Amino acid sequence: MGMDGEVGGRIRQMREKAKELSQAAERTSDPQDRKRLQEKARKLESQAEQESSMGSGDIFPMQ
């Protein structure tokens, strides 16, 4: 697997994990647990989005 494939696979795994965390948050009855799981899911999704953008060359350095 090349670099692009590895990055794409990692991003896909991150998004899948974020989805699992979101679903777990929906199922839990503990408000603190729900908030923690939702926050983890948001962070993972954000990280996946950043890596995806960097991989496709959408990010330009600040001048």
PDB file of N, CA and C in Angstrom:
ATOM      1  N   MET A   1       0.845  -1.176   0.000  1.00  0.00           N
ATOM      2  CA  MET A   1       0.000   0.000   0.000  1.00  0.00           C
ATOM      3  C   MET A   1       0.888   1.235   0.000  1.00  0.00           C
ATOM      4  N   GLY A   2       0.600   2.211  -0.857  1.00  0.00           N
ATOM      5  CA  GLY A   2       1.391   3.430  -0.934  1.00  0.00           C
ATOM      6  C   GLY A   2       1.019   4.405   0.162  1.00  0.00           C
ATOM      7  N   MET A   3       1.711   5.515   0.177  1.00  0.00           N
ATOM      8  CA  MET A   3       1.455   6.530   1.199  1.00  0.00           C
ATOM      9  C   MET A   3       0.009   7.010   1.150  1.00  0.00           C
ATOM     10  N   ASP A   4      -0.503   7.308  -0.041  1.00  0.00           N
ATOM     11  CA  ASP A   4      -1.873   7.791  -0.167  1.00  0.00           C
ATOM     12  C   ASP A   4      -2.874   6.774   0.361  1.00  0.00           C
ATOM     13  N   GLY A   5      -2.630   5.501   0.069  1.00  0.00           N
ATOM     14  CA  GLY A   5      -3.515   4.449   0.545  1.00  0.00           C
ATOM     15  C   GLY A   5      -3.483   4.317   2.054  1.00  0.00           C
ATOM     16  N   GLU A   6      -2.298   4.464   2.625  1.00  0.00           N
ATOM     17  CA  GLU A   6      -2.165   4.383   4.082  1.00  0.00           C
ATOM     18  C   GLU A   6      -2.888   5.533   4.754  1.00  0.00           C
ATOM     19  N   VAL A   7      -2.707   6.737   4.215  1.00  0.00           N
ATOM     20  CA  VAL A   7      -3.368   7.913   4.786  1.00  0.00           C
ATOM     21  C   VAL A   7      -4.879   7.774   4.638  1.00  0.00           C
ATOM     22  N   GLY A   8      -5.323   7.357   3.470  1.00  0.00           N
ATOM     23  CA  GLY A   8      -6.759   7.183   3.239  1.00  0.00           C
ATOM     24  C   GLY A   8      -7.354   6.141   4.161  1.00  0.00           C
ATOM     25  N   GLY A   9      -6.622   5.056   4.378  1.00  0.00           N
ATOM     26  CA  GLY A   9      -7.088   4.009   5.287  1.00  0.00           C
ATOM     27  C   GLY A   9      -7.177   4.505   6.715  1.00  0.00           C
ATOM     28  N   ARG A  10      -6.173   5.282   7.125  1.00  0.00           N
ATOM     29  CA  ARG A  10      -6.179   5.819   8.489  1.00  0.00           C
ATOM     30  C   ARG A  10      -7.333   6.809   8.673  1.00  0.00           C
ATOM     31  N   ILE A  11      -7.556   7.639   7.672  1.00  0.00           N
ATOM     32  CA  ILE A  11      -8.659   8.605   7.748  1.00  0.00           C
ATOM     33  C   ILE A  11      -9.992   7.875   7.811  1.00  0.00           C
ATOM     34  N   ARG A  12     -10.136   6.840   7.013  1.00  0.00           N
ATOM     35  CA  ARG A  12     -11.377   6.052   7.015  1.00  0.00           C
ATOM     36  C   ARG A  12     -11.598   5.411   8.390  1.00  0.00           C
ATOM     37  N   GLN A  13     -10.519   4.876   8.983  1.00  0.00           N
ATOM     38  CA  GLN A  13     -10.628   4.269  10.316  1.00  0.00           C
ATOM     39  C   GLN A  13     -11.014   5.317  11.369  1.00  0.00           C
ATOM     40  N   MET A  14     -10.435   6.496  11.260  1.00  0.00           N
ATOM     41  CA  MET A  14     -10.751   7.563  12.211  1.00  0.00           C
ATOM     42  C   MET A  14     -12.227   7.944  12.115  1.00  0.00           C
ATOM     43  N   ARG A  15     -12.715   8.045  10.890  1.00  0.00           N
ATOM     44  CA  ARG A  15     -14.129   8.414  10.697  1.00  0.00           C
ATOM     45  C   ARG A  15     -15.065   7.312  11.197  1.00  0.00           C
ATOM     46  N   GLU A  16     -14.681   6.061  10.973  1.00  0.00           N
ATOM     47  CA  GLU A  16     -15.489   4.940  11.465  1.00  0.00           C
ATOM     48  C   GLU A  16     -15.536   4.947  12.986  1.00  0.00           C
ATOM     49  N   LYS A  17     -14.383   5.199  13.607  1.00  0.00           N
ATOM     50  CA  LYS A  17     -14.317   5.248  15.071  1.00  0.00           C
ATOM     51  C   LYS A  17     -15.158   6.411  15.599  1.00  0.00           C
ATOM     52  N   ALA A  18     -15.103   7.556  14.925  1.00  0.00           N
ATOM     53  CA  ALA A  18     -15.900   8.712  15.330  1.00  0.00           C
ATOM     54  C   ALA A  18     -17.396   8.383  15.260  1.00  0.00           C
ATOM     55  N   LYS A  19     -17.781   7.656  14.218  1.00  0.00           N
ATOM     56  CA  LYS A  19     -19.180   7.260  14.069  1.00  0.00           C
ATOM     57  C   LYS A  19     -19.587   6.308  15.192  1.00  0.00           C
ATOM     58  N   GLU A  20     -18.710   5.364  15.515  1.00  0.00           N
ATOM     59  CA  GLU A  20     -18.989   4.425  16.610  1.00  0.00           C
ATOM     60  C   GLU A  20     -19.145   5.174  17.937  1.00  0.00           C
ATOM     61  N   LEU A  21     -18.269   6.150  18.177  1.00  0.00           N
ATOM     62  CA  LEU A  21     -18.346   6.923  19.415  1.00  0.00           C
ATOM     63  C   LEU A  21     -19.649   7.725  19.477  1.00  0.00           C
ATOM     64  N   SER A  22     -20.056   8.299  18.349  1.00  0.00           N
ATOM     65  CA  SER A  22     -21.308   9.048  18.297  1.00  0.00           C
ATOM     66  C   SER A  22     -22.504   8.143  18.595  1.00  0.00           C
ATOM     67  N   GLN A  23     -22.475   6.948  18.031  1.00  0.00           N
ATOM     68  CA  GLN A  23     -23.561   5.999  18.271  1.00  0.00           C
ATOM     69  C   GLN A  23     -23.579   5.565  19.729  1.00  0.00           C
ATOM     70  N   ALA A  24     -22.396   5.344  20.307  1.00  0.00           N
ATOM     71  CA  ALA A  24     -22.319   4.972  21.720  1.00  0.00           C
ATOM     72  C   ALA A  24     -22.858   6.100  22.586  1.00  0.00           C
ATOM     73  N   ALA A  25     -22.575   7.341  22.207  1.00  0.00           N
ATOM     74  CA  ALA A  25     -23.060   8.498  22.961  1.00  0.00           C
ATOM     75  C   ALA A  25     -24.591   8.545  22.938  1.00  0.00           C
ATOM     76  N   GLU A  26     -25.177   8.203  21.800  1.00  0.00           N
ATOM     77  CA  GLU A  26     -26.635   8.204  21.685  1.00  0.00           C
ATOM     78  C   GLU A  26     -27.274   7.131  22.569  1.00  0.00           C
ATOM     79  N   ARG A  27     -26.561   6.032  22.755  1.00  0.00           N
ATOM     80  CA  ARG A  27     -27.117   4.906  23.519  1.00  0.00           C
ATOM     81  C   ARG A  27     -26.967   5.060  25.033  1.00  0.00           C
ATOM     82  N   THR A  28     -25.992   5.851  25.468  1.00  0.00           N
ATOM     83  CA  THR A  28     -25.748   5.933  26.901  1.00  0.00           C
ATOM     84  C   THR A  28     -26.773   6.835  27.592  1.00  0.00           C
ATOM     85  N   SER A  29     -27.088   6.486  28.830  1.00  0.00           N
ATOM     86  CA  SER A  29     -28.048   7.292  29.581  1.00  0.00           C
ATOM     87  C   SER A  29     -27.348   8.278  30.515  1.00  0.00           C
ATOM     88  N   ASP A  30     -26.035   8.128  30.654  1.00  0.00           N
ATOM     89  CA  ASP A  30     -25.258   9.006  31.527  1.00  0.00           C
ATOM     90  C   ASP A  30     -24.871  10.280  30.763  1.00  0.00           C
ATOM     91  N   PRO A  31     -25.366  11.434  31.207  1.00  0.00           N
ATOM     92  CA  PRO A  31     -25.085  12.693  30.486  1.00  0.00           C
ATOM     93  C   PRO A  31     -23.584  13.009  30.387  1.00  0.00           C
ATOM     94  N   GLN A  32     -22.841  12.718  31.429  1.00  0.00           N
ATOM     95  CA  GLN A  32     -21.401  12.987  31.390  1.00  0.00           C
ATOM     96  C   GLN A  32     -20.698  12.077  30.394  1.00  0.00           C
ATOM     97  N   ASP A  33     -21.093  10.827  30.400  1.00  0.00           N
ATOM     98  CA  ASP A  33     -20.543   9.863  29.451  1.00  0.00           C
ATOM     99  C   ASP A  33     -20.875  10.283  28.021  1.00  0.00           C
ATOM    100  N   ARG A  34     -22.122  10.697  27.805  1.00  0.00           N
ATOM    101  CA  ARG A  34     -22.565  11.120  26.478  1.00  0.00           C
ATOM    102  C   ARG A  34     -21.720  12.297  25.993  1.00  0.00           C
ATOM    103  N   LYS A  35     -21.519  13.273  26.865  1.00  0.00           N
ATOM    104  CA  LYS A  35     -20.737  14.462  26.498  1.00  0.00           C
ATOM    105  C   LYS A  35     -19.290  14.071  26.158  1.00  0.00           C
ATOM    106  N   ARG A  36     -18.710  13.186  26.962  1.00  0.00           N
ATOM    107  CA  ARG A  36     -17.328  12.744  26.744  1.00  0.00           C
ATOM    108  C   ARG A  36     -17.201  12.021  25.403  1.00  0.00           C
ATOM    109  N   LEU A  37     -18.142  11.129  25.125  1.00  0.00           N
ATOM    110  CA  LEU A  37     -18.104  10.379  23.867  1.00  0.00           C
ATOM    111  C   LEU A  37     -18.322  11.294  22.659  1.00  0.00           C
ATOM    112  N   GLN A  38     -19.227  12.247  22.788  1.00  0.00           N
ATOM    113  CA  GLN A  38     -19.480  13.175  21.691  1.00  0.00           C
ATOM    114  C   GLN A  38     -18.242  14.033  21.416  1.00  0.00           C
ATOM    115  N   GLU A  39     -17.570  14.451  22.486  1.00  0.00           N
ATOM    116  CA  GLU A  39     -16.360  15.263  22.328  1.00  0.00           C
ATOM    117  C   GLU A  39     -15.255  14.460  21.642  1.00  0.00           C
ATOM    118  N   LYS A  40     -15.082  13.208  22.044  1.00  0.00           N
ATOM    119  CA  LYS A  40     -14.079  12.352  21.404  1.00  0.00           C
ATOM    120  C   LYS A  40     -14.401  12.182  19.918  1.00  0.00           C
ATOM    121  N   ALA A  41     -15.674  11.973  19.613  1.00  0.00           N
ATOM    122  CA  ALA A  41     -16.094  11.796  18.220  1.00  0.00           C
ATOM    123  C   ALA A  41     -15.805  13.056  17.416  1.00  0.00           C
ATOM    124  N   ARG A  42     -16.105  14.221  17.977  1.00  0.00           N
ATOM    125  CA  ARG A  42     -15.843  15.492  17.282  1.00  0.00           C
ATOM    126  C   ARG A  42     -14.348  15.679  17.017  1.00  0.00           C
ATOM    127  N   LYS A  43     -13.528  15.374  18.021  1.00  0.00           N
ATOM    128  CA  LYS A  43     -12.078  15.527  17.855  1.00  0.00           C
ATOM    129  C   LYS A  43     -11.550  14.606  16.758  1.00  0.00           C
ATOM    130  N   LEU A  44     -12.011  13.362  16.760  1.00  0.00           N
ATOM    131  CA  LEU A  44     -11.564  12.409  15.741  1.00  0.00           C
ATOM    132  C   LEU A  44     -11.995  12.854  14.345  1.00  0.00           C
ATOM    133  N   GLU A  45     -13.222  13.298  14.226  1.00  0.00           N
ATOM    134  CA  GLU A  45     -13.740  13.742  12.936  1.00  0.00           C
ATOM    135  C   GLU A  45     -12.957  14.966  12.443  1.00  0.00           C
ATOM    136  N   SER A  46     -12.660  15.876  13.359  1.00  0.00           N
ATOM    137  CA  SER A  46     -11.886  17.061  13.018  1.00  0.00           C
ATOM    138  C   SER A  46     -10.478  16.688  12.569  1.00  0.00           C
ATOM    139  N   GLN A  47      -9.864  15.763  13.293  1.00  0.00           N
ATOM    140  CA  GLN A  47      -8.520  15.305  12.947  1.00  0.00           C
ATOM    141  C   GLN A  47      -8.527  14.622  11.573  1.00  0.00           C
ATOM    142  N   ALA A  48      -9.534  13.812  11.329  1.00  0.00           N
ATOM    143  CA  ALA A  48      -9.649  13.131  10.035  1.00  0.00           C
ATOM    144  C   ALA A  48      -9.811  14.160   8.915  1.00  0.00           C
ATOM    145  N   GLU A  49     -10.595  15.188   9.178  1.00  0.00           N
ATOM    146  CA  GLU A  49     -10.820  16.238   8.183  1.00  0.00           C
ATOM    147  C   GLU A  49      -9.523  16.991   7.887  1.00  0.00           C
ATOM    148  N   GLN A  50      -8.748  17.288   8.926  1.00  0.00           N
ATOM    149  CA  GLN A  50      -7.470  17.977   8.739  1.00  0.00           C
ATOM    150  C   GLN A  50      -6.509  17.129   7.916  1.00  0.00           C
ATOM    151  N   GLU A  51      -6.404  15.851   8.252  1.00  0.00           N
ATOM    152  CA  GLU A  51      -5.490  14.970   7.517  1.00  0.00           C
ATOM    153  C   GLU A  51      -5.940  14.810   6.075  1.00  0.00           C
ATOM    154  N   SER A  52      -7.241  14.751   5.873  1.00  0.00           N
ATOM    155  CA  SER A  52      -7.778  14.621   4.526  1.00  0.00           C
ATOM    156  C   SER A  52      -7.443  15.866   3.709  1.00  0.00           C
ATOM    157  N   SER A  53      -7.595  17.030   4.311  1.00  0.00           N
ATOM    158  CA  SER A  53      -7.300  18.282   3.621  1.00  0.00           C
ATOM    159  C   SER A  53      -5.816  18.406   3.304  1.00  0.00           C
ATOM    160  N   MET A  54      -4.963  18.023   4.242  1.00  0.00           N
ATOM    161  CA  MET A  54      -3.521  18.096   4.017  1.00  0.00           C
ATOM    162  C   MET A  54      -3.107  17.126   2.911  1.00  0.00           C
ATOM    163  N   GLY A  55      -3.712  15.958   2.902  1.00  0.00           N
ATOM    164  CA  GLY A  55      -3.378  14.957   1.899  1.00  0.00           C
ATOM    165  C   GLY A  55      -3.772  15.358   0.499  1.00  0.00           C
ATOM    166  N   SER A  56      -4.844  16.145   0.390  1.00  0.00           N
ATOM    167  CA  SER A  56      -5.297  16.550  -0.939  1.00  0.00           C
ATOM    168  C   SER A  56      -4.709  17.885  -1.368  1.00  0.00           C
ATOM    169  N   GLY A  57      -3.891  18.501  -0.507  1.00  0.00           N
ATOM    170  CA  GLY A  57      -3.232  19.752  -0.857  1.00  0.00           C
ATOM    171  C   GLY A  57      -4.116  20.977  -0.700  1.00  0.00           C
ATOM    172  N   ASP A  58      -5.187  20.859   0.077  1.00  0.00           N
ATOM    173  CA  ASP A  58      -6.097  21.985   0.276  1.00  0.00           C
ATOM    174  C   ASP A  58      -5.587  22.996   1.293  1.00  0.00           C
ATOM    175  N   ILE A  59      -4.568  22.619   2.037  1.00  0.00           N
ATOM    176  CA  ILE A  59      -4.056  23.493   3.091  1.00  0.00           C
ATOM    177  C   ILE A  59      -2.844  24.246   2.563  1.00  0.00           C
ATOM    178  N   PHE A  60      -2.887  25.530   2.693  1.00  0.00           N
ATOM    179  CA  PHE A  60      -1.764  26.365   2.291  1.00  0.00           C
ATOM    180  C   PHE A  60      -1.181  27.029   3.527  1.00  0.00           C
ATOM    181  N   PRO A  61       0.156  27.129   3.603  1.00  0.00           N
ATOM    182  CA  PRO A  61       0.768  27.766   4.769  1.00  0.00           C
ATOM    183  C   PRO A  61       0.342  29.233   4.880  1.00  0.00           C
ATOM    184  N   MET A  62       0.220  29.684   6.113  1.00  0.00           N
ATOM    185  CA  MET A  62      -0.117  31.085   6.350  1.00  0.00           C
ATOM    186  C   MET A  62       1.071  31.942   5.929  1.00  0.00           C
ATOM    187  N   GLN A  63       0.786  33.117   5.391  1.00  0.00           N
ATOM    188  CA  GLN A  63       1.868  34.005   4.954  1.00  0.00           C
ATOM    189  C   GLN A  63       2.048  35.151   5.896  1.00  0.00           C
TER     190      GLN A  63
END
